[in-house]
């Protein structure tokens, strides 16, 4: 999640969900055989929401993950007016990675802080 834009906790949660869903959908496009496994377990593993200081931090991590072959997604909000940072124009709010193990993603997530 971007830490440099103003979002309510509800807005932040929805943006994280959008990005996470896109990353999972991209993963399942390449690995459709895993869909039933995730559904039967009612889980695809743990999820953690992390905060980057600025947009470039998220974009750099996204590009690194993509170059390493990780499932990932960027999410841009658009058309919504919300607080001082959302004027209806497209704005990058979140990136998501995985499903993948925490350890395998550490090289591009270690600079982020856990959201509180």
C-alpha atoms as a PDB file:
ATOM      1  CA  UNK A   1       0.000   0.000   0.000  1.00  0.00           C
ATOM      2  CA  UNK A   2       1.113   3.523  -0.630  1.00  0.00           C
ATOM      3  CA  UNK A   3       1.989   5.401   2.516  1.00  0.00           C
ATOM      4  CA  UNK A   4       2.157   8.799   0.847  1.00  0.00           C
ATOM      5  CA  UNK A   5      -1.534   9.229   0.011  1.00  0.00           C
ATOM      6  CA  UNK A   6      -4.498   9.793   2.286  1.00  0.00           C
ATOM      7  CA  UNK A   7      -6.908   6.853   2.494  1.00  0.00           C
ATOM      8  CA  UNK A   8      -9.454   5.866   5.106  1.00  0.00           C
ATOM      9  CA  UNK A   9      -9.038   2.383   6.550  1.00  0.00           C
ATOM     10  CA  UNK A  10     -11.988   1.202   4.439  1.00  0.00           C
ATOM     11  CA  UNK A  11     -10.500   2.634   1.253  1.00  0.00           C
ATOM     12  CA  UNK A  12      -7.153   1.065   2.087  1.00  0.00           C
ATOM     13  CA  UNK A  13      -8.762  -2.334   2.695  1.00  0.00           C
ATOM     14  CA  UNK A  14     -10.627  -2.215  -0.615  1.00  0.00           C
ATOM     15  CA  UNK A  15      -7.506  -1.232  -2.551  1.00  0.00           C
ATOM     16  CA  UNK A  16      -5.517  -4.072  -0.969  1.00  0.00           C
ATOM     17  CA  UNK A  17      -8.307  -6.510  -1.851  1.00  0.00           C
ATOM     18  CA  UNK A  18      -8.428  -5.337  -5.470  1.00  0.00           C
ATOM     19  CA  UNK A  19      -4.676  -5.790  -5.927  1.00  0.00           C
ATOM     20  CA  UNK A  20      -4.640  -9.142  -4.132  1.00  0.00           C
ATOM     21  CA  UNK A  21      -7.520 -10.472  -6.220  1.00  0.00           C
ATOM     22  CA  UNK A  22      -5.766  -9.469  -9.446  1.00  0.00           C
ATOM     23  CA  UNK A  23      -2.538 -11.169  -8.418  1.00  0.00           C
ATOM     24  CA  UNK A  24      -4.397 -14.365  -7.502  1.00  0.00           C
ATOM     25  CA  UNK A  25      -6.320 -14.319 -10.778  1.00  0.00           C
ATOM     26  CA  UNK A  26      -3.080 -13.980 -12.741  1.00  0.00           C
ATOM     27  CA  UNK A  27      -1.598 -16.865 -10.781  1.00  0.00           C
ATOM     28  CA  UNK A  28      -4.636 -19.051 -11.469  1.00  0.00           C
ATOM     29  CA  UNK A  29      -4.477 -18.247 -15.192  1.00  0.00           C
ATOM     30  CA  UNK A  30      -1.064 -19.942 -15.250  1.00  0.00           C
ATOM     31  CA  UNK A  31      -1.924 -22.644 -12.671  1.00  0.00           C
ATOM     32  CA  UNK A  32      -5.636 -23.469 -13.025  1.00  0.00           C
ATOM     33  CA  UNK A  33      -5.056 -26.859 -11.413  1.00  0.00           C
ATOM     34  CA  UNK A  34      -4.452 -25.107  -8.067  1.00  0.00           C
ATOM     35  CA  UNK A  35      -7.884 -23.394  -7.926  1.00  0.00           C
ATOM     36  CA  UNK A  36      -9.732 -26.350  -6.415  1.00  0.00           C
ATOM     37  CA  UNK A  37      -6.978 -26.857  -3.834  1.00  0.00           C
ATOM     38  CA  UNK A  38      -7.301 -23.230  -2.673  1.00  0.00           C
ATOM     39  CA  UNK A  39     -11.084 -23.486  -2.575  1.00  0.00           C
ATOM     40  CA  UNK A  40     -11.108 -26.769  -0.634  1.00  0.00           C
ATOM     41  CA  UNK A  41      -8.669 -25.415   1.951  1.00  0.00           C
ATOM     42  CA  UNK A  42     -10.554 -22.091   1.972  1.00  0.00           C
ATOM     43  CA  UNK A  43      -7.135 -20.461   1.894  1.00  0.00           C
ATOM     44  CA  UNK A  44      -4.188 -19.666  -0.327  1.00  0.00           C
ATOM     45  CA  UNK A  45      -1.920 -18.950   2.619  1.00  0.00           C
ATOM     46  CA  UNK A  46      -1.339 -15.963   4.844  1.00  0.00           C
ATOM     47  CA  UNK A  47      -1.808 -12.405   3.671  1.00  0.00           C
ATOM     48  CA  UNK A  48       0.104  -9.439   4.991  1.00  0.00           C
ATOM     49  CA  UNK A  49      -0.495  -5.785   4.156  1.00  0.00           C
ATOM     50  CA  UNK A  50       2.693  -3.764   3.879  1.00  0.00           C
ATOM     51  CA  UNK A  51       3.251  -0.048   3.410  1.00  0.00           C
ATOM     52  CA  UNK A  52       5.710   1.649   1.079  1.00  0.00           C
ATOM     53  CA  UNK A  53       6.782   5.233   1.656  1.00  0.00           C
ATOM     54  CA  UNK A  54       6.034   6.359  -1.885  1.00  0.00           C
ATOM     55  CA  UNK A  55       4.740   5.248  -5.266  1.00  0.00           C
ATOM     56  CA  UNK A  56       8.207   4.536  -6.647  1.00  0.00           C
ATOM     57  CA  UNK A  57       8.832   2.001  -3.847  1.00  0.00           C
ATOM     58  CA  UNK A  58       5.787   0.011  -4.935  1.00  0.00           C
ATOM     59  CA  UNK A  59       6.665   0.257  -8.619  1.00  0.00           C
ATOM     60  CA  UNK A  60      10.260  -0.858  -8.017  1.00  0.00           C
ATOM     61  CA  UNK A  61       9.115  -3.877  -5.998  1.00  0.00           C
ATOM     62  CA  UNK A  62       6.521  -4.719  -8.660  1.00  0.00           C
ATOM     63  CA  UNK A  63       9.106  -4.593 -11.463  1.00  0.00           C
ATOM     64  CA  UNK A  64      11.538  -6.723  -9.460  1.00  0.00           C
ATOM     65  CA  UNK A  65       8.860  -9.315  -8.661  1.00  0.00           C
ATOM     66  CA  UNK A  66       7.705  -9.402 -12.277  1.00  0.00           C
ATOM     67  CA  UNK A  67      11.267  -9.859 -13.565  1.00  0.00           C
ATOM     68  CA  UNK A  68      11.726 -12.779 -11.153  1.00  0.00           C
ATOM     69  CA  UNK A  69       8.536 -14.449 -12.407  1.00  0.00           C
ATOM     70  CA  UNK A  70       6.344 -13.884  -9.344  1.00  0.00           C
ATOM     71  CA  UNK A  71       2.609 -13.455  -9.735  1.00  0.00           C
ATOM     72  CA  UNK A  72       1.923  -9.785  -9.095  1.00  0.00           C
ATOM     73  CA  UNK A  73      -0.499  -6.986  -9.854  1.00  0.00           C
ATOM     74  CA  UNK A  74      -0.724  -3.212  -9.722  1.00  0.00           C
ATOM     75  CA  UNK A  75      -4.022  -1.581  -8.860  1.00  0.00           C
ATOM     76  CA  UNK A  76      -5.005   1.930  -9.878  1.00  0.00           C
ATOM     77  CA  UNK A  77      -8.083   3.559  -8.459  1.00  0.00           C
ATOM     78  CA  UNK A  78      -9.934   5.863 -10.836  1.00  0.00           C
ATOM     79  CA  UNK A  79     -13.192   7.718 -10.979  1.00  0.00           C
ATOM     80  CA  UNK A  80     -13.482   8.157  -7.214  1.00  0.00           C
ATOM     81  CA  UNK A  81     -13.266  11.355  -5.183  1.00  0.00           C
ATOM     82  CA  UNK A  82     -11.879  10.572  -1.720  1.00  0.00           C
ATOM     83  CA  UNK A  83      -9.850  12.816   0.533  1.00  0.00           C
ATOM     84  CA  UNK A  84      -7.249  15.151  -0.869  1.00  0.00           C
ATOM     85  CA  UNK A  85      -5.397  12.609  -3.058  1.00  0.00           C
ATOM     86  CA  UNK A  86      -8.301  11.167  -5.062  1.00  0.00           C
ATOM     87  CA  UNK A  87      -9.667  13.595  -7.657  1.00  0.00           C
ATOM     88  CA  UNK A  88     -11.121  10.994 -10.017  1.00  0.00           C
ATOM     89  CA  UNK A  89      -7.899  10.603 -12.016  1.00  0.00           C
ATOM     90  CA  UNK A  90      -6.141   7.215 -12.075  1.00  0.00           C
ATOM     91  CA  UNK A  91      -3.836   6.801  -9.076  1.00  0.00           C
ATOM     92  CA  UNK A  92      -1.707   3.802  -8.147  1.00  0.00           C
ATOM     93  CA  UNK A  93      -2.811   2.693  -4.689  1.00  0.00           C
ATOM     94  CA  UNK A  94      -1.512  -0.843  -4.217  1.00  0.00           C
ATOM     95  CA  UNK A  95       0.548  -3.698  -5.567  1.00  0.00           C
ATOM     96  CA  UNK A  96       0.195  -7.348  -4.624  1.00  0.00           C
ATOM     97  CA  UNK A  97       2.490 -10.353  -4.847  1.00  0.00           C
ATOM     98  CA  UNK A  98       1.769 -14.035  -4.745  1.00  0.00           C
ATOM     99  CA  UNK A  99       0.701 -16.522  -3.856  1.00  0.00           C
ATOM    100  CA  UNK A 100       4.282 -17.305  -2.928  1.00  0.00           C
ATOM    101  CA  UNK A 101       6.214 -18.007   0.235  1.00  0.00           C
ATOM    102  CA  UNK A 102       7.235 -15.147   2.501  1.00  0.00           C
ATOM    103  CA  UNK A 103      10.869 -16.178   2.208  1.00  0.00           C
ATOM    104  CA  UNK A 104      10.859 -16.200  -1.579  1.00  0.00           C
ATOM    105  CA  UNK A 105       9.493 -12.641  -1.711  1.00  0.00           C
ATOM    106  CA  UNK A 106      11.798 -11.197   0.936  1.00  0.00           C
ATOM    107  CA  UNK A 107      14.240  -9.692  -1.582  1.00  0.00           C
ATOM    108  CA  UNK A 108      11.651  -7.205  -2.834  1.00  0.00           C
ATOM    109  CA  UNK A 109       9.418  -6.803   0.261  1.00  0.00           C
ATOM    110  CA  UNK A 110      12.014  -6.314   3.026  1.00  0.00           C
ATOM    111  CA  UNK A 111      11.979  -2.510   2.763  1.00  0.00           C
ATOM    112  CA  UNK A 112       8.250  -2.262   3.531  1.00  0.00           C
ATOM    113  CA  UNK A 113       6.634  -1.899   6.959  1.00  0.00           C
ATOM    114  CA  UNK A 114       3.668  -3.939   8.232  1.00  0.00           C
ATOM    115  CA  UNK A 115       0.500  -1.810   8.220  1.00  0.00           C
ATOM    116  CA  UNK A 116      -0.889  -0.981  11.647  1.00  0.00           C
END
